[in-house]
Structure formats: structure tokens, C-alpha cells
Amino acid sequence: MAERWTKERRSEHTRQVLLDAAEEVFARKGLTGAALEEIADAAGFTRGAIYSQFGAKEKLFLAVVDRQRQRFLDGFAEVMMSFHRLSDVDVDELAQRWRQLSSGADRAALGYELTLYLLRNPEARESVAAQRRETVRALGEFISKNVARIGGTLSMEPEMLARIVLAANDGVTLDSHIDGEDLYRPYLQLVISSVQTPS
């Protein structure tokens, strides 16, 4: 017997399909180049569904970037949990996983688009400020706990390291694509140099 979907489940399904389509269109065309009609067509819905779920195009864009960042953080957490001692940390494996998590230059470009959008729109910046602070706080706490778990200490405040990791993610990905020079490993070497063995 087929399972009946509740109104909430249908709504969440619609939301995820719209986010998938929007992520693909925004990645190819950017915030200004992407049209709501194109996103709706790609998702198999109408523009009304987008307005119903998200409101304006900018809110849909922020939701796409937020979901993408959460996926990156979840993947980062999974990688960190695979190490049990400081001596287990393999920079090459970390770099390879980061490459996979970054999902290519188009997706990283969305991060830059978000940065420019927030710089140019103080109201939008204010509306996501608490969410950005919470992301930094949660990542800083995660880094701190896991560095301690594997027997290390940090040479800087965990939240500052979290800010640097988040700020550098898109740049490392894009510059690696643009110049054809893999920056993941050298950047991770810099990050790991902030983890010390207690004396």
C-alpha cells in the first residue's frame, strides 16, 4: 500500500526539489543571471511555488547557499571524526576530501556571490548575521572539541580559526580551478600548523 504524504512532507519535498534546481541554475548563471522561471521550469513547478516556499529570489539564493554550507560542514565533521590521534591526521586525505566536498568552481562561485550580495545589501547582511555567527560558533566548538579529542591544542582561538576556514574555503576552491594549482594541501598545512602537541 502506498504511503500517504502529509501536507508537511509534500511541502518539504517541494522545497528540496526547488533548492536542487535553484542550486544548479544559480551555480551556472549567478544570482542576477538566474531567472525564477528557469528555476521553476528546472524543478517542474511554477513561480508561485517558489514564492510560496521562499518569497523573493534573494531568499531562495540565501537558502541555497545555507544548505550548501551545511553540507560542507557536515562533510568536514565526518572527516574530522575519522581521526583518533594527532598522528592520524593525513593532510593528503584531508585535501582529497575537501576537493570532493567543494563540488567544483561553480558552487564555490556561489560563496563569492553571497559575499558580494551581503556587502552590497546591509539589510540582507543584518538578516543573516545571527546565522553566520552561529555557524562560526558551532564550527569553532567542533574544532576545539575534536582537536582536544585527538590530543592537540590550538595556537589561536577556535572561533577565529573557524572564521578563517569558512572565509578561505571558496577562495581556495576557485583559485585552484582558475590557476590549475592545487591549493587545498598547502592551505590545510597552514591550518594544521595551528594545532600543536601539548608539551
Protein backbone atom coordinates (compact mmCIF):
# COMPACT_ATOMS: atom_id res chain seq x y z
CA MET A 1 0.00 0.00 0.00
CA ALA A 2 1.42 3.39 -1.00
CA GLU A 3 2.35 5.68 1.84
CA ARG A 4 0.24 8.85 2.05
CA TRP A 5 2.19 12.06 2.20
CA THR A 6 1.21 14.65 4.76
CA LYS A 7 0.91 18.29 3.75
CA GLU A 8 4.17 18.99 5.61
CA ARG A 9 6.01 16.20 3.81
CA ARG A 10 4.77 17.40 0.40
CA SER A 11 5.84 20.93 1.26
CA GLU A 12 9.32 19.77 2.35
CA HIS A 13 9.67 17.69 -0.82
CA THR A 14 8.73 20.72 -2.94
CA ARG A 15 11.21 22.84 -1.01
CA GLN A 16 14.07 20.39 -1.58
CA VAL A 17 13.30 20.00 -5.31
CA LEU A 18 13.25 23.80 -5.68
CA LEU A 19 16.53 24.11 -3.78
CA ASP A 20 18.16 21.46 -6.00
CA ALA A 21 17.03 23.24 -9.16
CA ALA A 22 17.98 26.67 -7.82
CA GLU A 23 21.44 25.48 -6.78
CA GLU A 24 22.10 24.20 -10.29
CA VAL A 25 20.80 27.36 -12.01
CA PHE A 26 22.47 29.80 -9.58
CA ALA A 27 25.75 27.89 -9.94
CA ARG A 28 25.64 28.31 -13.73
CA LYS A 29 24.21 31.82 -14.00
CA GLY A 30 24.77 33.55 -10.69
CA LEU A 31 22.25 35.44 -8.59
CA THR A 32 21.50 38.20 -11.10
CA GLY A 33 21.61 35.97 -14.20
CA ALA A 34 19.25 33.30 -12.87
CA ALA A 35 15.56 33.79 -13.65
CA LEU A 36 12.83 32.43 -11.38
CA GLU A 37 11.06 31.00 -14.46
CA GLU A 38 14.15 28.95 -15.30
CA ILE A 39 14.45 27.64 -11.75
CA ALA A 40 10.74 26.78 -11.64
CA ASP A 41 10.95 25.00 -15.02
CA ALA A 42 14.02 23.03 -13.91
CA ALA A 43 12.16 21.94 -10.77
CA GLY A 44 8.91 21.15 -12.58
CA PHE A 45 6.95 23.73 -10.59
CA THR A 46 5.57 27.21 -11.14
CA ARG A 47 7.00 30.51 -9.96
CA GLY A 48 4.15 30.50 -7.44
CA ALA A 49 5.71 27.51 -5.72
CA ILE A 50 8.94 29.47 -5.29
CA TYR A 51 7.10 32.47 -3.84
CA SER A 52 5.11 30.18 -1.56
CA GLN A 53 8.21 28.43 -0.22
CA PHE A 54 10.79 31.24 -0.21
CA GLY A 55 9.34 34.57 -1.25
CA ALA A 56 11.86 36.65 -3.21
CA LYS A 57 14.68 35.27 -5.36
CA GLU A 58 17.25 36.57 -2.88
CA LYS A 59 15.72 34.48 -0.07
CA LEU A 60 15.86 31.40 -2.29
CA PHE A 61 19.52 32.19 -3.03
CA LEU A 62 20.32 32.53 0.69
CA ALA A 63 18.59 29.20 1.38
CA VAL A 64 20.65 27.51 -1.37
CA VAL A 65 23.94 28.86 -0.01
CA ASP A 66 22.98 27.96 3.55
CA ARG A 67 22.17 24.37 2.57
CA GLN A 68 25.42 24.12 0.62
CA ARG A 69 27.45 25.43 3.57
CA GLN A 70 25.72 22.96 5.90
CA ARG A 71 26.65 20.08 3.60
CA PHE A 72 30.27 21.25 3.62
CA LEU A 73 30.29 21.48 7.43
CA ASP A 74 28.71 18.03 7.77
CA GLY A 75 31.36 16.59 5.46
CA PHE A 76 34.11 18.41 7.37
CA ALA A 77 32.76 16.91 10.60
CA GLU A 78 32.77 13.42 9.10
CA VAL A 79 36.42 13.78 8.03
CA MET A 80 37.50 15.09 11.44
CA MET A 81 35.75 12.22 13.23
CA SER A 82 37.77 9.71 11.20
CA PHE A 83 40.97 10.76 13.03
CA HIS A 84 41.58 9.39 16.51
CA ARG A 85 45.04 10.77 17.31
CA LEU A 86 47.02 13.77 16.12
CA SER A 87 49.40 11.38 14.37
CA ASP A 88 46.43 10.00 12.35
CA VAL A 89 45.86 13.33 10.59
CA ASP A 90 46.70 12.79 6.92
CA VAL A 91 46.96 16.10 5.03
CA ASP A 92 46.69 14.37 1.65
CA GLU A 93 43.47 12.59 2.68
CA LEU A 94 42.07 15.83 4.11
CA ALA A 95 42.90 17.70 0.89
CA GLN A 96 41.26 14.99 -1.22
CA ARG A 97 38.09 15.05 0.90
CA TRP A 98 37.96 18.87 0.77
CA ARG A 99 38.20 18.74 -3.02
CA GLN A 100 35.23 16.35 -3.06
CA LEU A 101 33.22 18.45 -0.59
CA SER A 102 33.80 21.66 -2.55
CA SER A 103 31.73 20.38 -5.50
CA GLY A 104 33.56 22.41 -8.13
CA ALA A 105 34.14 26.00 -9.13
CA ASP A 106 30.50 26.82 -9.96
CA ARG A 107 29.40 26.01 -6.42
CA ALA A 108 32.33 27.91 -4.88
CA ALA A 109 31.41 30.91 -7.03
CA LEU A 110 28.08 30.95 -5.17
CA GLY A 111 30.01 31.68 -1.97
CA TYR A 112 31.62 34.71 -3.61
CA GLU A 113 28.25 35.81 -4.94
CA LEU A 114 26.89 35.61 -1.40
CA THR A 115 29.79 37.71 -0.10
CA LEU A 116 29.19 40.39 -2.73
CA TYR A 117 25.44 40.32 -2.16
CA LEU A 118 25.90 40.81 1.59
CA LEU A 119 28.46 43.58 1.09
CA ARG A 120 26.08 45.45 -1.20
CA ASN A 121 22.93 44.85 0.86
CA PRO A 122 23.24 45.86 4.53
CA GLU A 123 19.68 44.71 5.29
CA ALA A 124 20.43 41.22 3.98
CA ARG A 125 23.71 41.22 5.91
CA GLU A 126 21.83 42.07 9.08
CA SER A 127 19.22 39.38 8.44
CA VAL A 128 21.83 36.59 8.18
CA ALA A 129 24.31 37.95 10.76
CA ALA A 130 22.99 35.79 13.62
CA GLN A 131 23.02 32.69 11.42
CA ARG A 132 26.63 33.40 10.34
CA ARG A 133 27.71 33.93 13.96
CA GLU A 134 26.05 30.64 14.94
CA THR A 135 27.87 28.81 12.12
CA VAL A 136 31.21 30.21 13.33
CA ARG A 137 30.40 29.38 16.96
CA ALA A 138 29.35 25.80 16.15
CA LEU A 139 32.36 25.17 13.91
CA GLY A 140 34.73 26.70 16.47
CA GLU A 141 33.27 24.49 19.20
CA PHE A 142 33.53 21.45 16.95
CA ILE A 143 37.17 22.22 16.07
CA SER A 144 38.06 22.82 19.72
CA LYS A 145 36.47 19.58 20.94
CA ASN A 146 37.99 17.46 18.18
CA VAL A 147 41.47 18.93 18.43
CA ALA A 148 41.36 18.09 22.15
CA ARG A 149 39.93 14.63 21.34
CA ILE A 150 42.94 13.76 19.15
CA GLY A 151 45.41 15.13 21.70
CA GLY A 152 46.23 18.58 20.32
CA THR A 153 45.88 22.20 21.37
CA LEU A 154 45.17 25.26 19.23
CA SER A 155 47.56 28.17 18.89
CA MET A 156 44.65 30.54 18.18
CA GLU A 157 41.08 30.96 19.35
CA PRO A 158 38.87 28.21 17.84
CA GLU A 159 36.26 30.69 16.58
CA MET A 160 38.94 32.69 14.77
CA LEU A 161 40.22 29.52 13.13
CA ALA A 162 36.61 28.67 12.18
CA ARG A 163 36.20 32.12 10.58
CA ILE A 164 39.40 31.65 8.59
CA VAL A 165 38.40 28.18 7.39
CA LEU A 166 34.97 29.43 6.27
CA ALA A 167 36.37 32.57 4.62
CA ALA A 168 39.11 30.69 2.77
CA ASN A 169 37.01 27.76 1.54
CA ASP A 170 35.61 29.40 -1.60
CA GLY A 171 38.85 31.20 -2.45
CA VAL A 172 40.96 28.06 -2.22
CA THR A 173 38.48 26.19 -4.43
CA LEU A 174 38.19 28.95 -7.05
CA ASP A 175 41.89 29.77 -7.23
CA SER A 176 42.71 26.06 -7.56
CA HIS A 177 40.40 25.92 -10.60
CA ILE A 178 41.43 29.23 -12.14
CA ASP A 179 45.19 28.74 -11.91
CA GLY A 180 45.25 24.95 -12.17
CA GLU A 181 47.35 24.95 -9.00
CA ASP A 182 46.05 22.74 -6.19
CA LEU A 183 45.89 24.93 -3.08
CA TYR A 184 43.97 22.52 -0.84
CA ARG A 185 47.03 20.76 0.59
CA PRO A 186 49.16 23.88 1.26
CA TYR A 187 46.21 25.65 2.86
CA LEU A 188 45.48 22.66 5.09
CA GLN A 189 49.15 22.57 6.09
CA LEU A 190 48.73 26.17 7.29
CA VAL A 191 45.55 25.29 9.21
CA ILE A 192 47.12 22.21 10.79
CA SER A 193 50.15 24.27 11.83
CA SER A 194 47.77 25.96 14.30
CA VAL A 195 47.32 22.57 16.04
CA GLN A 196 50.10 21.81 18.48
CA THR A 197 51.09 18.82 20.56
CA PRO A 198 50.97 19.62 24.27
CA SER A 199 54.44 19.64 25.80
